[in-house]
PDB file of N, CA and C in Angstrom:
ATOM      1  N   MET A   1     -84.854  22.254 -18.919  1.00  0.00           N
ATOM      2  CA  MET A   1     -83.441  22.407 -19.248  1.00  0.00           C
ATOM      3  C   MET A   1     -82.635  22.488 -17.958  1.00  0.00           C
ATOM      4  N   MET A   2     -82.651  23.607 -17.276  1.00  0.00           N
ATOM      5  CA  MET A   2     -81.947  23.707 -15.998  1.00  0.00           C
ATOM      6  C   MET A   2     -82.921  23.373 -14.894  1.00  0.00           C
ATOM      7  N   LYS A   3     -82.443  22.624 -13.910  1.00  0.00           N
ATOM      8  CA  LYS A   3     -83.304  22.327 -12.785  1.00  0.00           C
ATOM      9  C   LYS A   3     -82.495  22.326 -11.501  1.00  0.00           C
ATOM     10  N   LYS A   4     -83.194  22.485 -10.398  1.00  0.00           N
ATOM     11  CA  LYS A   4     -82.564  22.535  -9.088  1.00  0.00           C
ATOM     12  C   LYS A   4     -81.669  21.313  -8.898  1.00  0.00           C
ATOM     13  N   GLY A   5     -80.470  21.563  -8.366  1.00  0.00           N
ATOM     14  CA  GLY A   5     -79.523  20.493  -8.102  1.00  0.00           C
ATOM     15  C   GLY A   5     -78.513  20.253  -9.212  1.00  0.00           C
ATOM     16  N   MET A   6     -78.767  20.837 -10.388  1.00  0.00           N
ATOM     17  CA  MET A   6     -77.789  20.690 -11.472  1.00  0.00           C
ATOM     18  C   MET A   6     -76.510  21.424 -11.094  1.00  0.00           C
ATOM     19  N   ILE A   7     -75.432  21.070 -11.757  1.00  0.00           N
ATOM     20  CA  ILE A   7     -74.140  21.722 -11.563  1.00  0.00           C
ATOM     21  C   ILE A   7     -73.915  22.682 -12.722  1.00  0.00           C
ATOM     22  N   LYS A   8     -73.596  23.929 -12.377  1.00  0.00           N
ATOM     23  CA  LYS A   8     -73.268  24.939 -13.390  1.00  0.00           C
ATOM     24  C   LYS A   8     -71.796  25.275 -13.255  1.00  0.00           C
ATOM     25  N   VAL A   9     -71.081  25.149 -14.340  1.00  0.00           N
ATOM     26  CA  VAL A   9     -69.672  25.509 -14.379  1.00  0.00           C
ATOM     27  C   VAL A   9     -69.565  26.794 -15.190  1.00  0.00           C
ATOM     28  N   SER A  10     -69.163  27.878 -14.519  1.00  0.00           N
ATOM     29  CA  SER A  10     -68.987  29.160 -15.179  1.00  0.00           C
ATOM     30  C   SER A  10     -67.503  29.358 -15.476  1.00  0.00           C
ATOM     31  N   VAL A  11     -67.213  29.686 -16.711  1.00  0.00           N
ATOM     32  CA  VAL A  11     -65.845  29.961 -17.144  1.00  0.00           C
ATOM     33  C   VAL A  11     -65.803  31.440 -17.495  1.00  0.00           C
ATOM     34  N   LEU A  12     -65.081  32.212 -16.683  1.00  0.00           N
ATOM     35  CA  LEU A  12     -65.031  33.666 -16.836  1.00  0.00           C
ATOM     36  C   LEU A  12     -63.671  34.081 -17.382  1.00  0.00           C
ATOM     37  N   TYR A  13     -63.693  35.026 -18.308  1.00  0.00           N
ATOM     38  CA  TYR A  13     -62.477  35.557 -18.895  1.00  0.00           C
ATOM     39  C   TYR A  13     -62.356  37.015 -18.471  1.00  0.00           C
ATOM     40  N   PRO A  14     -61.615  37.297 -17.385  1.00  0.00           N
ATOM     41  CA  PRO A  14     -61.537  38.661 -16.847  1.00  0.00           C
ATOM     42  C   PRO A  14     -60.991  39.659 -17.858  1.00  0.00           C
ATOM     43  N   ASN A  15     -61.612  40.823 -17.875  1.00  0.00           N
ATOM     44  CA  ASN A  15     -61.221  41.911 -18.752  1.00  0.00           C
ATOM     45  C   ASN A  15     -59.961  42.578 -18.195  1.00  0.00           C
ATOM     46  N   ALA A  16     -58.965  42.759 -19.016  1.00  0.00           N
ATOM     47  CA  ALA A  16     -57.737  43.447 -18.599  1.00  0.00           C
ATOM     48  C   ALA A  16     -57.127  44.130 -19.813  1.00  0.00           C
ATOM     49  N   GLU A  17     -56.583  45.297 -19.585  1.00  0.00           N
ATOM     50  CA  GLU A  17     -55.976  46.065 -20.672  1.00  0.00           C
ATOM     51  C   GLU A  17     -54.845  45.277 -21.323  1.00  0.00           C
ATOM     52  N   GLY A  18     -54.828  45.301 -22.647  1.00  0.00           N
ATOM     53  CA  GLY A  18     -53.760  44.654 -23.390  1.00  0.00           C
ATOM     54  C   GLY A  18     -53.967  43.175 -23.642  1.00  0.00           C
ATOM     55  N   LYS A  19     -55.060  42.604 -23.163  1.00  0.00           N
ATOM     56  CA  LYS A  19     -55.332  41.181 -23.383  1.00  0.00           C
ATOM     57  C   LYS A  19     -56.111  41.000 -24.681  1.00  0.00           C
ATOM     58  N   LYS A  20     -55.949  39.826 -25.292  1.00  0.00           N
ATOM     59  CA  LYS A  20     -56.669  39.558 -26.543  1.00  0.00           C
ATOM     60  C   LYS A  20     -57.740  38.492 -26.317  1.00  0.00           C
ATOM     61  N   PHE A  21     -58.810  38.602 -27.083  1.00  0.00           N
ATOM     62  CA  PHE A  21     -59.874  37.599 -27.055  1.00  0.00           C
ATOM     63  C   PHE A  21     -60.557  37.617 -28.410  1.00  0.00           C
ATOM     64  N   ASP A  22     -60.508  36.505 -29.133  1.00  0.00           N
ATOM     65  CA  ASP A  22     -61.096  36.388 -30.463  1.00  0.00           C
ATOM     66  C   ASP A  22     -62.492  35.777 -30.315  1.00  0.00           C
ATOM     67  N   MET A  23     -63.512  36.638 -30.240  1.00  0.00           N
ATOM     68  CA  MET A  23     -64.879  36.176 -30.005  1.00  0.00           C
ATOM     69  C   MET A  23     -65.381  35.290 -31.137  1.00  0.00           C
ATOM     70  N   ASP A  24     -65.038  35.617 -32.378  1.00  0.00           N
ATOM     71  CA  ASP A  24     -65.486  34.795 -33.505  1.00  0.00           C
ATOM     72  C   ASP A  24     -64.959  33.372 -33.380  1.00  0.00           C
ATOM     73  N   TYR A  25     -63.684  33.232 -33.099  1.00  0.00           N
ATOM     74  CA  TYR A  25     -63.099  31.900 -32.930  1.00  0.00           C
ATOM     75  C   TYR A  25     -63.769  31.185 -31.750  1.00  0.00           C
ATOM     76  N   TYR A  26     -63.949  31.909 -30.655  1.00  0.00           N
ATOM     77  CA  TYR A  26     -64.540  31.341 -29.438  1.00  0.00           C
ATOM     78  C   TYR A  26     -65.913  30.734 -29.724  1.00  0.00           C
ATOM     79  N   ILE A  27     -66.747  31.462 -30.451  1.00  0.00           N
ATOM     80  CA  ILE A  27     -68.109  30.999 -30.732  1.00  0.00           C
ATOM     81  C   ILE A  27     -68.133  29.953 -31.843  1.00  0.00           C
ATOM     82  N   GLN A  28     -67.362  30.176 -32.898  1.00  0.00           N
ATOM     83  CA  GLN A  28     -67.450  29.305 -34.071  1.00  0.00           C
ATOM     84  C   GLN A  28     -66.610  28.032 -33.963  1.00  0.00           C
ATOM     85  N   GLN A  29     -65.506  28.084 -33.222  1.00  0.00           N
ATOM     86  CA  GLN A  29     -64.609  26.928 -33.137  1.00  0.00           C
ATOM     87  C   GLN A  29     -64.579  26.298 -31.738  1.00  0.00           C
ATOM     88  N   HIS A  30     -64.390  27.136 -30.723  1.00  0.00           N
ATOM     89  CA  HIS A  30     -64.210  26.605 -29.374  1.00  0.00           C
ATOM     90  C   HIS A  30     -65.509  26.033 -28.800  1.00  0.00           C
ATOM     91  N   ALA A  31     -66.618  26.761 -28.927  1.00  0.00           N
ATOM     92  CA  ALA A  31     -67.889  26.278 -28.370  1.00  0.00           C
ATOM     93  C   ALA A  31     -68.278  24.903 -28.923  1.00  0.00           C
ATOM     94  N   PRO A  32     -68.192  24.663 -30.239  1.00  0.00           N
ATOM     95  CA  PRO A  32     -68.492  23.321 -30.739  1.00  0.00           C
ATOM     96  C   PRO A  32     -67.509  22.259 -30.216  1.00  0.00           C
ATOM     97  N   LEU A  33     -66.250  22.655 -30.025  1.00  0.00           N
ATOM     98  CA  LEU A  33     -65.268  21.718 -29.463  1.00  0.00           C
ATOM     99  C   LEU A  33     -65.645  21.348 -28.031  1.00  0.00           C
ATOM    100  N   VAL A  34     -66.103  22.331 -27.253  1.00  0.00           N
ATOM    101  CA  VAL A  34     -66.559  22.068 -25.886  1.00  0.00           C
ATOM    102  C   VAL A  34     -67.673  21.030 -25.917  1.00  0.00           C
ATOM    103  N   ALA A  35     -68.653  21.232 -26.789  1.00  0.00           N
ATOM    104  CA  ALA A  35     -69.779  20.304 -26.887  1.00  0.00           C
ATOM    105  C   ALA A  35     -69.319  18.904 -27.272  1.00  0.00           C
ATOM    106  N   ARG A  36     -68.412  18.820 -28.246  1.00  0.00           N
ATOM    107  CA  ARG A  36     -67.926  17.503 -28.680  1.00  0.00           C
ATOM    108  C   ARG A  36     -67.133  16.802 -27.592  1.00  0.00           C
ATOM    109  N   THR A  37     -66.250  17.522 -26.911  1.00  0.00           N
ATOM    110  CA  THR A  37     -65.366  16.868 -25.948  1.00  0.00           C
ATOM    111  C   THR A  37     -66.078  16.523 -24.641  1.00  0.00           C
ATOM    112  N   LEU A  38     -67.081  17.304 -24.261  1.00  0.00           N
ATOM    113  CA  LEU A  38     -67.820  16.991 -23.028  1.00  0.00           C
ATOM    114  C   LEU A  38     -68.938  15.985 -23.278  1.00  0.00           C
ATOM    115  N   GLY A  39     -69.361  15.854 -24.522  1.00  0.00           N
ATOM    116  CA  GLY A  39     -70.316  14.820 -24.906  1.00  0.00           C
ATOM    117  C   GLY A  39     -71.652  14.915 -24.195  1.00  0.00           C
ATOM    118  N   ASN A  40     -72.233  13.744 -23.909  1.00  0.00           N
ATOM    119  CA  ASN A  40     -73.570  13.665 -23.325  1.00  0.00           C
ATOM    120  C   ASN A  40     -73.642  14.187 -21.904  1.00  0.00           C
ATOM    121  N   ALA A  41     -72.510  14.349 -21.229  1.00  0.00           N
ATOM    122  CA  ALA A  41     -72.521  14.887 -19.869  1.00  0.00           C
ATOM    123  C   ALA A  41     -72.979  16.350 -19.867  1.00  0.00           C
ATOM    124  N   LEU A  42     -72.692  17.072 -20.943  1.00  0.00           N
ATOM    125  CA  LEU A  42     -73.073  18.475 -21.060  1.00  0.00           C
ATOM    126  C   LEU A  42     -74.559  18.557 -21.405  1.00  0.00           C
ATOM    127  N   GLN A  43     -75.348  19.108 -20.486  1.00  0.00           N
ATOM    128  CA  GLN A  43     -76.799  19.190 -20.670  1.00  0.00           C
ATOM    129  C   GLN A  43     -77.236  20.467 -21.392  1.00  0.00           C
ATOM    130  N   ALA A  44     -76.515  21.550 -21.169  1.00  0.00           N
ATOM    131  CA  ALA A  44     -76.829  22.836 -21.804  1.00  0.00           C
ATOM    132  C   ALA A  44     -75.614  23.732 -21.674  1.00  0.00           C
ATOM    133  N   ALA A  45     -75.547  24.751 -22.525  1.00  0.00           N
ATOM    134  CA  ALA A  45     -74.432  25.702 -22.470  1.00  0.00           C
ATOM    135  C   ALA A  45     -74.893  27.044 -23.021  1.00  0.00           C
ATOM    136  N   SER A  46     -74.324  28.110 -22.465  1.00  0.00           N
ATOM    137  CA  SER A  46     -74.521  29.441 -23.033  1.00  0.00           C
ATOM    138  C   SER A  46     -73.176  30.142 -23.049  1.00  0.00           C
ATOM    139  N   TYR A  47     -72.996  30.994 -24.045  1.00  0.00           N
ATOM    140  CA  TYR A  47     -71.754  31.733 -24.225  1.00  0.00           C
ATOM    141  C   TYR A  47     -72.102  33.206 -24.335  1.00  0.00           C
ATOM    142  N   ASP A  48     -71.491  34.026 -23.483  1.00  0.00           N
ATOM    143  CA  ASP A  48     -71.846  35.438 -23.399  1.00  0.00           C
ATOM    144  C   ASP A  48     -70.639  36.334 -23.681  1.00  0.00           C
ATOM    145  N   LYS A  49     -70.934  37.478 -24.280  1.00  0.00           N
ATOM    146  CA  LYS A  49     -69.933  38.520 -24.526  1.00  0.00           C
ATOM    147  C   LYS A  49     -70.208  39.662 -23.547  1.00  0.00           C
ATOM    148  N   GLY A  50     -69.196  40.058 -22.770  1.00  0.00           N
ATOM    149  CA  GLY A  50     -69.347  41.174 -21.844  1.00  0.00           C
ATOM    150  C   GLY A  50     -69.469  42.478 -22.606  1.00  0.00           C
ATOM    151  N   ILE A  51     -70.483  43.292 -22.242  1.00  0.00           N
ATOM    152  CA  ILE A  51     -70.684  44.553 -22.961  1.00  0.00           C
ATOM    153  C   ILE A  51     -70.652  45.776 -22.046  1.00  0.00           C
ATOM    154  N   GLY A  52     -70.623  45.581 -20.737  1.00  0.00           N
ATOM    155  CA  GLY A  52     -70.550  46.733 -19.851  1.00  0.00           C
ATOM    156  C   GLY A  52     -70.578  46.327 -18.397  1.00  0.00           C
ATOM    157  N   GLY A  53     -70.151  47.259 -17.549  1.00  0.00           N
ATOM    158  CA  GLY A  53     -70.170  47.050 -16.115  1.00  0.00           C
ATOM    159  C   GLY A  53     -71.471  47.558 -15.511  1.00  0.00           C
ATOM    160  N   GLY A  54     -71.548  47.533 -14.188  1.00  0.00           N
ATOM    161  CA  GLY A  54     -72.756  47.952 -13.491  1.00  0.00           C
ATOM    162  C   GLY A  54     -73.067  49.426 -13.635  1.00  0.00           C
ATOM    163  N   ALA A  55     -72.043  50.249 -13.657  1.00  0.00           N
ATOM    164  CA  ALA A  55     -72.250  51.686 -13.818  1.00  0.00           C
ATOM    165  C   ALA A  55     -72.212  52.035 -15.304  1.00  0.00           C
ATOM    166  N   PRO A  56     -73.052  52.961 -15.745  1.00  0.00           N
ATOM    167  CA  PRO A  56     -73.081  53.345 -17.156  1.00  0.00           C
ATOM    168  C   PRO A  56     -71.694  53.761 -17.663  1.00  0.00           C
ATOM    169  N   GLY A  57     -71.343  53.234 -18.832  1.00  0.00           N
ATOM    170  CA  GLY A  57     -70.094  53.611 -19.466  1.00  0.00           C
ATOM    171  C   GLY A  57     -68.858  52.901 -18.955  1.00  0.00           C
ATOM    172  N   THR A  58     -69.000  51.987 -18.005  1.00  0.00           N
ATOM    173  CA  THR A  58     -67.836  51.260 -17.494  1.00  0.00           C
ATOM    174  C   THR A  58     -67.662  49.958 -18.270  1.00  0.00           C
ATOM    175  N   PRO A  59     -66.418  49.498 -18.369  1.00  0.00           N
ATOM    176  CA  PRO A  59     -66.190  48.258 -19.110  1.00  0.00           C
ATOM    177  C   PRO A  59     -66.720  47.041 -18.354  1.00  0.00           C
ATOM    178  N   ALA A  60     -67.026  46.002 -19.094  1.00  0.00           N
ATOM    179  CA  ALA A  60     -67.470  44.740 -18.500  1.00  0.00           C
ATOM    180  C   ALA A  60     -66.339  44.143 -17.672  1.00  0.00           C
ATOM    181  N   PRO A  61     -66.638  43.592 -16.508  1.00  0.00           N
ATOM    182  CA  PRO A  61     -65.588  42.950 -15.710  1.00  0.00           C
ATOM    183  C   PRO A  61     -64.994  41.720 -16.403  1.00  0.00           C
ATOM    184  N   ASN A  62     -65.798  41.102 -17.267  1.00  0.00           N
ATOM    185  CA  ASN A  62     -65.342  39.922 -18.010  1.00  0.00           C
ATOM    186  C   ASN A  62     -65.574  40.142 -19.501  1.00  0.00           C
ATOM    187  N   VAL A  63     -64.585  39.771 -20.301  1.00  0.00           N
ATOM    188  CA  VAL A  63     -64.697  39.871 -21.747  1.00  0.00           C
ATOM    189  C   VAL A  63     -65.746  38.889 -22.258  1.00  0.00           C
ATOM    190  N   ALA A  64     -65.735  37.698 -21.655  1.00  0.00           N
ATOM    191  CA  ALA A  64     -66.649  36.637 -22.071  1.00  0.00           C
ATOM    192  C   ALA A  64     -66.896  35.708 -20.891  1.00  0.00           C
ATOM    193  N   MET A  65     -67.964  34.923 -21.031  1.00  0.00           N
ATOM    194  CA  MET A  65     -68.304  33.965 -19.997  1.00  0.00           C
ATOM    195  C   MET A  65     -69.045  32.799 -20.645  1.00  0.00           C
ATOM    196  N   ALA A  66     -68.738  31.602 -20.196  1.00  0.00           N
ATOM    197  CA  ALA A  66     -69.486  30.419 -20.608  1.00  0.00           C
ATOM    198  C   ALA A  66     -70.135  29.823 -19.368  1.00  0.00           C
ATOM    199  N   ASN A  67     -71.352  29.337 -19.524  1.00  0.00           N
ATOM    200  CA  ASN A  67     -72.036  28.615 -18.459  1.00  0.00           C
ATOM    201  C   ASN A  67     -72.383  27.238 -19.002  1.00  0.00           C
ATOM    202  N   LEU A  68     -71.847  26.219 -18.348  1.00  0.00           N
ATOM    203  CA  LEU A  68     -72.022  24.840 -18.774  1.00  0.00           C
ATOM    204  C   LEU A  68     -72.776  24.084 -17.688  1.00  0.00           C
ATOM    205  N   TYR A  69     -73.783  23.312 -18.075  1.00  0.00           N
ATOM    206  CA  TYR A  69     -74.658  22.639 -17.115  1.00  0.00           C
ATOM    207  C   TYR A  69     -74.527  21.121 -17.200  1.00  0.00           C
ATOM    208  N   PHE A  70     -74.463  20.510 -16.021  1.00  0.00           N
ATOM    209  CA  PHE A  70     -74.310  19.065 -15.890  1.00  0.00           C
ATOM    210  C   PHE A  70     -75.309  18.548 -14.858  1.00  0.00           C
ATOM    211  N   ASN A  71     -75.669  17.280 -14.953  1.00  0.00           N
ATOM    212  CA  ASN A  71     -76.616  16.698 -13.995  1.00  0.00           C
ATOM    213  C   ASN A  71     -76.015  16.516 -12.613  1.00  0.00           C
ATOM    214  N   SER A  72     -74.709  16.274 -12.547  1.00  0.00           N
ATOM    215  CA  SER A  72     -74.082  16.038 -11.248  1.00  0.00           C
ATOM    216  C   SER A  72     -72.612  16.433 -11.288  1.00  0.00           C
ATOM    217  N   LEU A  73     -72.059  16.620 -10.107  1.00  0.00           N
ATOM    218  CA  LEU A  73     -70.633  16.931  -9.986  1.00  0.00           C
ATOM    219  C   LEU A  73     -69.793  15.781 -10.525  1.00  0.00           C
ATOM    220  N   GLU A  74     -70.250  14.562 -10.308  1.00  0.00           N
ATOM    221  CA  GLU A  74     -69.525  13.390 -10.792  1.00  0.00           C
ATOM    222  C   GLU A  74     -69.464  13.368 -12.318  1.00  0.00           C
ATOM    223  N   GLU A  75     -70.615  13.647 -12.958  1.00  0.00           N
ATOM    224  CA  GLU A  75     -70.631  13.656 -14.427  1.00  0.00           C
ATOM    225  C   GLU A  75     -69.732  14.760 -14.976  1.00  0.00           C
ATOM    226  N   PHE A  76     -69.772  15.930 -14.340  1.00  0.00           N
ATOM    227  CA  PHE A  76     -68.869  16.999 -14.752  1.00  0.00           C
ATOM    228  C   PHE A  76     -67.424  16.550 -14.607  1.00  0.00           C
ATOM    229  N   GLY A  77     -67.080  15.999 -13.450  1.00  0.00           N
ATOM    230  CA  GLY A  77     -65.707  15.585 -13.176  1.00  0.00           C
ATOM    231  C   GLY A  77     -65.181  14.584 -14.184  1.00  0.00           C
ATOM    232  N   GLN A  78     -65.999  13.604 -14.511  1.00  0.00           N
ATOM    233  CA  GLN A  78     -65.577  12.587 -15.481  1.00  0.00           C
ATOM    234  C   GLN A  78     -65.377  13.190 -16.862  1.00  0.00           C
ATOM    235  N   ALA A  79     -66.347  13.996 -17.296  1.00  0.00           N
ATOM    236  CA  ALA A  79     -66.263  14.580 -18.636  1.00  0.00           C
ATOM    237  C   ALA A  79     -65.134  15.586 -18.733  1.00  0.00           C
ATOM    238  N   PHE A  80     -65.016  16.451 -17.728  1.00  0.00           N
ATOM    239  CA  PHE A  80     -64.006  17.502 -17.790  1.00  0.00           C
ATOM    240  C   PHE A  80     -62.604  16.935 -17.610  1.00  0.00           C
ATOM    241  N   GLY A  81     -62.478  15.897 -16.804  1.00  0.00           N
ATOM    242  CA  GLY A  81     -61.168  15.267 -16.626  1.00  0.00           C
ATOM    243  C   GLY A  81     -60.584  14.811 -17.952  1.00  0.00           C
ATOM    244  N   ALA A  82     -61.436  14.226 -18.786  1.00  0.00           N
ATOM    245  CA  ALA A  82     -60.988  13.754 -20.096  1.00  0.00           C
ATOM    246  C   ALA A  82     -60.805  14.902 -21.085  1.00  0.00           C
ATOM    247  N   ALA A  83     -61.647  15.935 -20.981  1.00  0.00           N
ATOM    248  CA  ALA A  83     -61.641  17.025 -21.958  1.00  0.00           C
ATOM    249  C   ALA A  83     -60.640  18.128 -21.642  1.00  0.00           C
ATOM    250  N   ALA A  84     -60.252  18.269 -20.382  1.00  0.00           N
ATOM    251  CA  ALA A  84     -59.424  19.410 -19.954  1.00  0.00           C
ATOM    252  C   ALA A  84     -58.159  19.603 -20.783  1.00  0.00           C
ATOM    253  N   PRO A  85     -57.378  18.562 -21.060  1.00  0.00           N
ATOM    254  CA  PRO A  85     -56.154  18.802 -21.844  1.00  0.00           C
ATOM    255  C   PRO A  85     -56.445  19.368 -23.241  1.00  0.00           C
ATOM    256  N   ILE A  86     -57.524  18.927 -23.849  1.00  0.00           N
ATOM    257  CA  ILE A  86     -57.895  19.421 -25.176  1.00  0.00           C
ATOM    258  C   ILE A  86     -58.343  20.876 -25.083  1.00  0.00           C
ATOM    259  N   LEU A  87     -59.225  21.163 -24.122  1.00  0.00           N
ATOM    260  CA  LEU A  87     -59.798  22.505 -24.016  1.00  0.00           C
ATOM    261  C   LEU A  87     -58.774  23.533 -23.553  1.00  0.00           C
ATOM    262  N   THR A  88     -57.940  23.182 -22.600  1.00  0.00           N
ATOM    263  CA  THR A  88     -56.922  24.143 -22.150  1.00  0.00           C
ATOM    264  C   THR A  88     -55.832  24.309 -23.200  1.00  0.00           C
ATOM    265  N   GLY A  89     -55.536  23.272 -23.945  1.00  0.00           N
ATOM    266  CA  GLY A  89     -54.553  23.362 -25.014  1.00  0.00           C
ATOM    267  C   GLY A  89     -54.993  24.276 -26.135  1.00  0.00           C
ATOM    268  N   GLU A  90     -56.292  24.488 -26.230  1.00  0.00           N
ATOM    269  CA  GLU A  90     -56.886  25.320 -27.269  1.00  0.00           C
ATOM    270  C   GLU A  90     -56.913  26.802 -26.912  1.00  0.00           C
ATOM    271  N   LEU A  91     -56.721  27.135 -25.660  1.00  0.00           N
ATOM    272  CA  LEU A  91     -56.783  28.527 -25.208  1.00  0.00           C
ATOM    273  C   LEU A  91     -55.980  29.505 -26.071  1.00  0.00           C
ATOM    274  N   PRO A  92     -54.717  29.224 -26.384  1.00  0.00           N
ATOM    275  CA  PRO A  92     -53.932  30.201 -27.156  1.00  0.00           C
ATOM    276  C   PRO A  92     -54.516  30.524 -28.526  1.00  0.00           C
ATOM    277  N   ASN A  93     -55.417  29.685 -29.032  1.00  0.00           N
ATOM    278  CA  ASN A  93     -56.037  29.953 -30.329  1.00  0.00           C
ATOM    279  C   ASN A  93     -56.992  31.139 -30.289  1.00  0.00           C
ATOM    280  N   TYR A  94     -57.504  31.479 -29.088  1.00  0.00           N
ATOM    281  CA  TYR A  94     -58.461  32.583 -29.038  1.00  0.00           C
ATOM    282  C   TYR A  94     -58.203  33.612 -27.937  1.00  0.00           C
ATOM    283  N   THR A  95     -57.323  33.311 -26.963  1.00  0.00           N
ATOM    284  CA  THR A  95     -57.105  34.298 -25.913  1.00  0.00           C
ATOM    285  C   THR A  95     -55.770  34.099 -25.207  1.00  0.00           C
ATOM    286  N   ASP A  96     -55.314  35.184 -24.564  1.00  0.00           N
ATOM    287  CA  ASP A  96     -54.162  35.102 -23.663  1.00  0.00           C
ATOM    288  C   ASP A  96     -54.613  35.383 -22.223  1.00  0.00           C
ATOM    289  N   ILE A  97     -55.920  35.326 -22.002  1.00  0.00           N
ATOM    290  CA  ILE A  97     -56.495  35.520 -20.661  1.00  0.00           C
ATOM    291  C   ILE A  97     -56.582  34.164 -19.960  1.00  0.00           C
ATOM    292  N   THR A  98     -56.164  34.120 -18.704  1.00  0.00           N
ATOM    293  CA  THR A  98     -56.318  32.904 -17.914  1.00  0.00           C
ATOM    294  C   THR A  98     -57.751  32.851 -17.399  1.00  0.00           C
ATOM    295  N   PRO A  99     -58.521  31.836 -17.807  1.00  0.00           N
ATOM    296  CA  PRO A  99     -59.909  31.777 -17.369  1.00  0.00           C
ATOM    297  C   PRO A  99     -60.032  31.446 -15.884  1.00  0.00           C
ATOM    298  N   VAL A 100     -61.120  31.926 -15.297  1.00  0.00           N
ATOM    299  CA  VAL A 100     -61.461  31.636 -13.909  1.00  0.00           C
ATOM    300  C   VAL A 100     -62.692  30.742 -13.916  1.00  0.00           C
ATOM    301  N   LEU A 101     -62.613  29.609 -13.239  1.00  0.00           N
ATOM    302  CA  LEU A 101     -63.749  28.690 -13.185  1.00  0.00           C
ATOM    303  C   LEU A 101     -64.460  28.799 -11.848  1.00  0.00           C
ATOM    304  N   GLN A 102     -65.770  28.739 -11.899  1.00  0.00           N
ATOM    305  CA  GLN A 102     -66.574  28.619 -10.686  1.00  0.00           C
ATOM    306  C   GLN A 102     -67.570  27.490 -10.905  1.00  0.00           C
ATOM    307  N   ILE A 103     -67.638  26.591  -9.919  1.00  0.00           N
ATOM    308  CA  ILE A 103     -68.595  25.496  -9.963  1.00  0.00           C
ATOM    309  C   ILE A 103     -69.691  25.833  -8.941  1.00  0.00           C
ATOM    310  N   SER A 104     -70.934  25.807  -9.417  1.00  0.00           N
ATOM    311  CA  SER A 104     -72.077  26.168  -8.579  1.00  0.00           C
ATOM    312  C   SER A 104     -73.151  25.086  -8.676  1.00  0.00           C
ATOM    313  N   GLU A 105     -74.017  25.085  -7.673  1.00  0.00           N
ATOM    314  CA  GLU A 105     -75.200  24.237  -7.705  1.00  0.00           C
ATOM    315  C   GLU A 105     -76.411  25.120  -7.994  1.00  0.00           C
ATOM    316  N   VAL A 106     -77.218  24.728  -8.973  1.00  0.00           N
ATOM    317  CA  VAL A 106     -78.421  25.474  -9.306  1.00  0.00           C
ATOM    318  C   VAL A 106     -79.415  25.301  -8.153  1.00  0.00           C
ATOM    319  N   MET A 107     -79.884  26.412  -7.601  1.00  0.00           N
ATOM    320  CA  MET A 107     -80.760  26.374  -6.427  1.00  0.00           C
ATOM    321  C   MET A 107     -82.236  26.528  -6.785  1.00  0.00           C
ATOM    322  N   ASP A 108     -82.539  27.076  -7.947  1.00  0.00           N
ATOM    323  CA  ASP A 108     -83.932  27.246  -8.314  1.00  0.00           C
ATOM    324  C   ASP A 108     -84.065  27.386  -9.814  1.00  0.00           C
TER     325      ASP A 108
END
């Protein structure tokens, strides 16, 4: 599934007081939309719910996080370029948090 050299795109939703995030919508509606719009370029994906911070009893730094895997930066760029307007346009349906993206290379 994941192998060295793959591109991982992490989409983080920072936790902040007063922000909304509809996890049910995110998992049931948004995740399938991500898969459809990114198509065959998307090799794997995981969707996580933040449940706590590093110290016991502290809140999670992120409400949610998605990790999306691609074979190359080029494949990600092509797929995301076409999908971005659809996916960003969908944000208000489940959150008012501005997501933070990180693009990484899988090292092992």
